[in-house]
């Protein structure tokens, strides 16, 4: 069958026109609407996906990291804040005992340095904890309370030696953690606290060593590795076992 339909032109000449199949108008309208919807969806999807990415809070690979206004706060950062708070809670009473019971001027001086230094540092750590929305201890740990009882029971030269070695061992442990935190923290509040604590702890180590009673061979070794010792378990007194 010919695809051309014969028609007569002027003068009776015949010419051919292509035979076009007719599509119902309603179907054509539906196809146009579907095409427009698909095009709009293709344009909107990337925008919606991008908007969702902005709304979602970033999730760290480290589940121990907490996001704060002053930067990420790691488990080590939080442990350090607790340690600084715990240090003041028992070292201030220990310093008062040294001032009252010490038998040498050097021990009394060391005791006063502990009182002054940790009073200032305690204010700093409480401010930092509030900024970080972190809870901190309100009393010494059970072990620290036991150390205070040992100091209360000791008298004379025995007290002086116990005080110097117990406090020097504790400061050595905190100093090691402090250096690790200061080197690695990305939190500005923790970094400022570490800077303040650094001067205080170093001063206390020096005045305790000035008593000439510290037995360096019996001090608790500093922590090793990336994990800090638990803040609830400070070092044991020099020459003792846990």
Protein backbone atom coordinates (compact mmCIF):
# COMPACT_ATOMS: atom_id res chain seq x y z
CA UNK A 1 0.00 0.00 0.00
CA UNK A 2 1.36 3.39 -0.94
CA UNK A 3 2.32 5.67 1.97
CA UNK A 4 1.28 8.64 -0.18
CA UNK A 5 -2.26 9.80 -0.59
CA UNK A 6 -3.05 11.13 -4.06
CA UNK A 7 -4.44 14.62 -4.25
CA UNK A 8 -5.16 16.84 -7.17
CA UNK A 9 -3.53 20.22 -7.42
CA UNK A 10 -4.39 23.10 -9.64
CA UNK A 11 -4.66 21.99 -13.26
CA UNK A 12 -5.43 18.43 -12.22
CA UNK A 13 -1.81 17.42 -11.40
CA UNK A 14 -1.45 14.88 -8.64
CA UNK A 15 1.08 15.23 -5.79
CA UNK A 16 1.86 13.12 -2.72
CA UNK A 17 1.60 13.95 1.02
CA UNK A 18 3.11 11.77 3.79
CA UNK A 19 0.60 9.80 5.77
CA UNK A 20 0.90 10.89 9.46
CA UNK A 21 -0.72 8.80 12.17
CA UNK A 22 -2.74 10.93 14.45
CA UNK A 23 -2.14 10.82 18.30
CA UNK A 24 -5.11 11.67 20.49
CA UNK A 25 -4.73 15.12 22.03
CA UNK A 26 -5.33 13.85 25.63
CA UNK A 27 -2.46 11.34 25.40
CA UNK A 28 -0.05 13.96 24.11
CA UNK A 29 -0.94 16.22 27.01
CA UNK A 30 -0.22 13.45 29.53
CA UNK A 31 3.18 12.73 27.98
CA UNK A 32 4.13 16.40 28.15
CA UNK A 33 3.14 16.65 31.83
CA UNK A 34 5.11 13.50 32.72
CA UNK A 35 8.19 14.84 30.94
CA UNK A 36 7.92 18.14 32.84
CA UNK A 37 7.63 16.34 36.18
CA UNK A 38 10.69 14.18 35.53
CA UNK A 39 12.73 17.21 34.48
CA UNK A 40 11.72 19.16 37.62
CA UNK A 41 12.57 16.17 39.85
CA UNK A 42 16.01 15.87 38.30
CA UNK A 43 16.68 19.53 39.08
CA UNK A 44 15.25 19.53 42.63
CA UNK A 45 16.89 16.30 43.94
CA UNK A 46 20.51 17.59 44.11
CA UNK A 47 19.33 20.76 45.88
CA UNK A 48 17.31 18.83 48.43
CA UNK A 49 20.21 16.45 49.05
CA UNK A 50 22.58 19.35 49.61
CA UNK A 51 20.17 21.07 52.00
CA UNK A 52 19.88 17.88 54.02
CA UNK A 53 23.65 17.69 54.34
CA UNK A 54 23.73 21.16 55.90
CA UNK A 55 20.98 20.31 58.35
CA UNK A 56 22.68 17.12 59.59
CA UNK A 57 25.13 17.53 62.48
CA UNK A 58 28.60 16.21 61.72
CA UNK A 59 29.22 12.82 63.31
CA UNK A 60 32.72 11.98 64.46
CA UNK A 61 34.25 8.57 63.89
CA UNK A 62 35.33 8.66 67.54
CA UNK A 63 32.20 8.07 69.60
CA UNK A 64 34.01 9.44 72.70
CA UNK A 65 34.37 12.90 71.15
CA UNK A 66 31.85 15.56 72.18
CA UNK A 67 31.45 18.70 70.10
CA UNK A 68 31.59 21.94 72.14
CA UNK A 69 31.69 25.65 71.20
CA UNK A 70 35.44 25.66 71.94
CA UNK A 71 36.21 22.58 69.85
CA UNK A 72 36.01 18.78 70.05
CA UNK A 73 36.33 17.34 73.55
CA UNK A 74 37.94 13.89 73.76
CA UNK A 75 37.86 11.32 76.54
CA UNK A 76 41.44 12.27 77.39
CA UNK A 77 40.44 15.94 77.62
CA UNK A 78 37.60 15.12 80.00
CA UNK A 79 39.85 12.90 82.10
CA UNK A 80 42.36 15.72 82.38
CA UNK A 81 39.70 18.18 83.59
CA UNK A 82 38.64 15.69 86.27
CA UNK A 83 42.24 15.14 87.31
CA UNK A 84 42.86 18.84 87.81
CA UNK A 85 39.73 19.12 89.94
CA UNK A 86 40.64 16.04 92.02
CA UNK A 87 44.16 17.39 92.56
CA UNK A 88 42.85 20.52 94.26
CA UNK A 89 40.36 18.62 96.39
CA UNK A 90 43.04 16.69 98.26
CA UNK A 91 46.23 18.69 97.75
CA UNK A 92 44.87 21.86 99.36
CA UNK A 93 44.11 19.99 102.63
CA UNK A 94 47.50 18.28 102.37
CA UNK A 95 49.17 21.67 101.97
CA UNK A 96 47.40 22.98 105.06
CA UNK A 97 48.69 20.03 107.06
CA UNK A 98 52.22 20.71 105.80
CA UNK A 99 52.01 24.33 106.95
CA UNK A 100 50.71 23.26 110.35
CA UNK A 101 52.75 20.08 110.97
CA UNK A 102 55.88 20.38 108.85
CA UNK A 103 59.12 20.30 110.80
CA UNK A 104 61.25 22.11 108.21
CA UNK A 105 60.86 25.49 106.50
CA UNK A 106 61.04 23.79 103.10
CA UNK A 107 58.06 21.54 103.87
CA UNK A 108 56.04 24.51 105.11
CA UNK A 109 56.90 26.50 101.97
CA UNK A 110 55.87 23.58 99.79
CA UNK A 111 52.60 23.33 101.68
CA UNK A 112 51.84 27.01 101.13
CA UNK A 113 52.60 26.71 97.43
CA UNK A 114 50.09 23.84 97.20
CA UNK A 115 47.41 25.92 98.92
CA UNK A 116 47.95 29.00 96.76
CA UNK A 117 48.48 27.20 93.46
CA UNK A 118 45.54 24.83 93.69
CA UNK A 119 43.19 27.51 95.00
CA UNK A 120 43.77 29.48 91.80
CA UNK A 121 43.80 26.37 89.62
CA UNK A 122 40.57 25.13 91.18
CA UNK A 123 38.81 28.31 90.14
CA UNK A 124 40.14 27.87 86.61
CA UNK A 125 39.01 24.24 86.33
CA UNK A 126 35.51 25.03 87.62
CA UNK A 127 35.18 27.77 85.01
CA UNK A 128 36.42 25.40 82.30
CA UNK A 129 34.02 22.65 83.41
CA UNK A 130 31.11 25.08 83.22
CA UNK A 131 32.15 26.17 79.73
CA UNK A 132 32.42 22.54 78.61
CA UNK A 133 29.19 21.53 80.37
CA UNK A 134 31.14 18.80 82.17
CA UNK A 135 30.48 17.45 85.63
CA UNK A 136 33.51 17.31 87.94
CA UNK A 137 34.07 15.64 91.32
CA UNK A 138 33.05 17.44 94.50
CA UNK A 139 35.21 15.45 96.92
CA UNK A 140 38.49 13.55 96.82
CA UNK A 141 38.48 9.96 95.62
CA UNK A 142 38.44 7.15 98.17
CA UNK A 143 42.15 6.59 97.64
CA UNK A 144 42.95 10.27 98.04
CA UNK A 145 40.97 10.37 101.27
CA UNK A 146 43.06 7.43 102.46
CA UNK A 147 46.23 9.41 101.72
CA UNK A 148 44.91 12.34 103.71
CA UNK A 149 44.28 10.00 106.65
CA UNK A 150 47.89 8.77 106.38
CA UNK A 151 49.14 12.35 106.50
CA UNK A 152 46.91 13.15 109.48
CA UNK A 153 48.29 10.16 111.38
CA UNK A 154 51.97 10.87 110.61
CA UNK A 155 54.03 13.13 112.83
CA UNK A 156 57.44 14.79 112.77
CA UNK A 157 60.01 13.71 110.18
CA UNK A 158 57.77 10.82 109.13
CA UNK A 159 55.12 13.32 108.06
CA UNK A 160 57.64 15.43 106.14
CA UNK A 161 58.91 12.46 104.14
CA UNK A 162 55.46 11.05 103.44
CA UNK A 163 54.18 14.46 102.38
CA UNK A 164 57.09 15.16 100.01
CA UNK A 165 57.00 11.77 98.30
CA UNK A 166 53.24 11.36 98.15
CA UNK A 167 52.69 14.80 96.60
CA UNK A 168 55.69 14.61 94.27
CA UNK A 169 54.50 11.25 92.93
CA UNK A 170 51.00 12.62 92.30
CA UNK A 171 52.31 15.71 90.52
CA UNK A 172 54.58 13.62 88.31
CA UNK A 173 51.60 11.58 87.14
CA UNK A 174 49.48 14.66 86.41
CA UNK A 175 52.39 16.40 84.68
CA UNK A 176 52.80 13.51 82.24
CA UNK A 177 49.08 13.54 81.35
CA UNK A 178 49.14 17.34 81.12
CA UNK A 179 51.88 17.25 78.48
CA UNK A 180 49.99 14.67 76.45
CA UNK A 181 46.77 16.70 76.57
CA UNK A 182 48.46 20.00 75.76
CA UNK A 183 50.20 18.48 72.75
CA UNK A 184 47.12 16.87 71.25
CA UNK A 185 43.94 18.65 72.35
CA UNK A 186 41.89 20.52 69.76
CA UNK A 187 39.72 22.20 72.41
CA UNK A 188 40.62 25.82 73.17
CA UNK A 189 39.21 25.68 76.73
CA UNK A 190 41.20 22.56 77.60
CA UNK A 191 44.29 24.10 76.02
CA UNK A 192 43.98 27.21 78.21
CA UNK A 193 43.49 25.07 81.32
CA UNK A 194 46.53 22.98 80.42
CA UNK A 195 48.62 26.15 80.06
CA UNK A 196 47.54 27.33 83.52
CA UNK A 197 48.02 23.92 85.11
CA UNK A 198 51.47 23.53 83.57
CA UNK A 199 52.93 26.42 85.56
CA UNK A 200 51.22 25.34 88.77
CA UNK A 201 52.26 21.69 88.61
CA UNK A 202 55.83 22.50 87.64
CA UNK A 203 56.14 24.96 90.54
CA UNK A 204 54.85 22.35 92.97
CA UNK A 205 57.25 19.71 91.70
CA UNK A 206 60.14 22.12 92.24
CA UNK A 207 59.22 23.14 95.80
CA UNK A 208 58.60 19.50 96.77
CA UNK A 209 62.01 18.55 95.43
CA UNK A 210 63.50 21.48 97.35
CA UNK A 211 62.63 19.64 100.58
CA UNK A 212 65.42 17.17 99.66
CA UNK A 213 63.18 14.36 100.89
CA UNK A 214 61.98 13.03 97.54
CA UNK A 215 63.09 9.45 96.81
CA UNK A 216 63.20 9.54 93.02
CA UNK A 217 63.87 5.82 92.70
CA UNK A 218 60.56 5.05 94.41
CA UNK A 219 58.32 7.48 92.55
CA UNK A 220 55.44 6.03 90.56
CA UNK A 221 56.41 5.90 86.86
CA UNK A 222 54.57 8.23 84.46
CA UNK A 223 51.80 6.73 82.33
CA UNK A 224 52.81 5.25 79.00
CA UNK A 225 50.84 4.96 75.75
CA UNK A 226 47.96 7.07 74.53
CA UNK A 227 45.49 6.16 77.26
CA UNK A 228 45.57 8.26 80.41
CA UNK A 229 45.32 6.59 83.82
CA UNK A 230 41.90 6.76 85.38
CA UNK A 231 41.19 10.06 87.11
CA UNK A 232 39.71 8.13 90.02
CA UNK A 233 42.97 6.29 90.70
CA UNK A 234 45.91 8.62 91.30
CA UNK A 235 49.37 7.10 91.87
CA UNK A 236 50.11 5.14 95.00
CA UNK A 237 52.40 6.63 97.66
CA UNK A 238 56.10 6.17 96.99
CA UNK A 239 57.36 2.80 98.12
CA UNK A 240 53.88 1.29 98.56
CA UNK A 241 51.83 -1.18 96.56
CA UNK A 242 48.24 -0.91 95.45
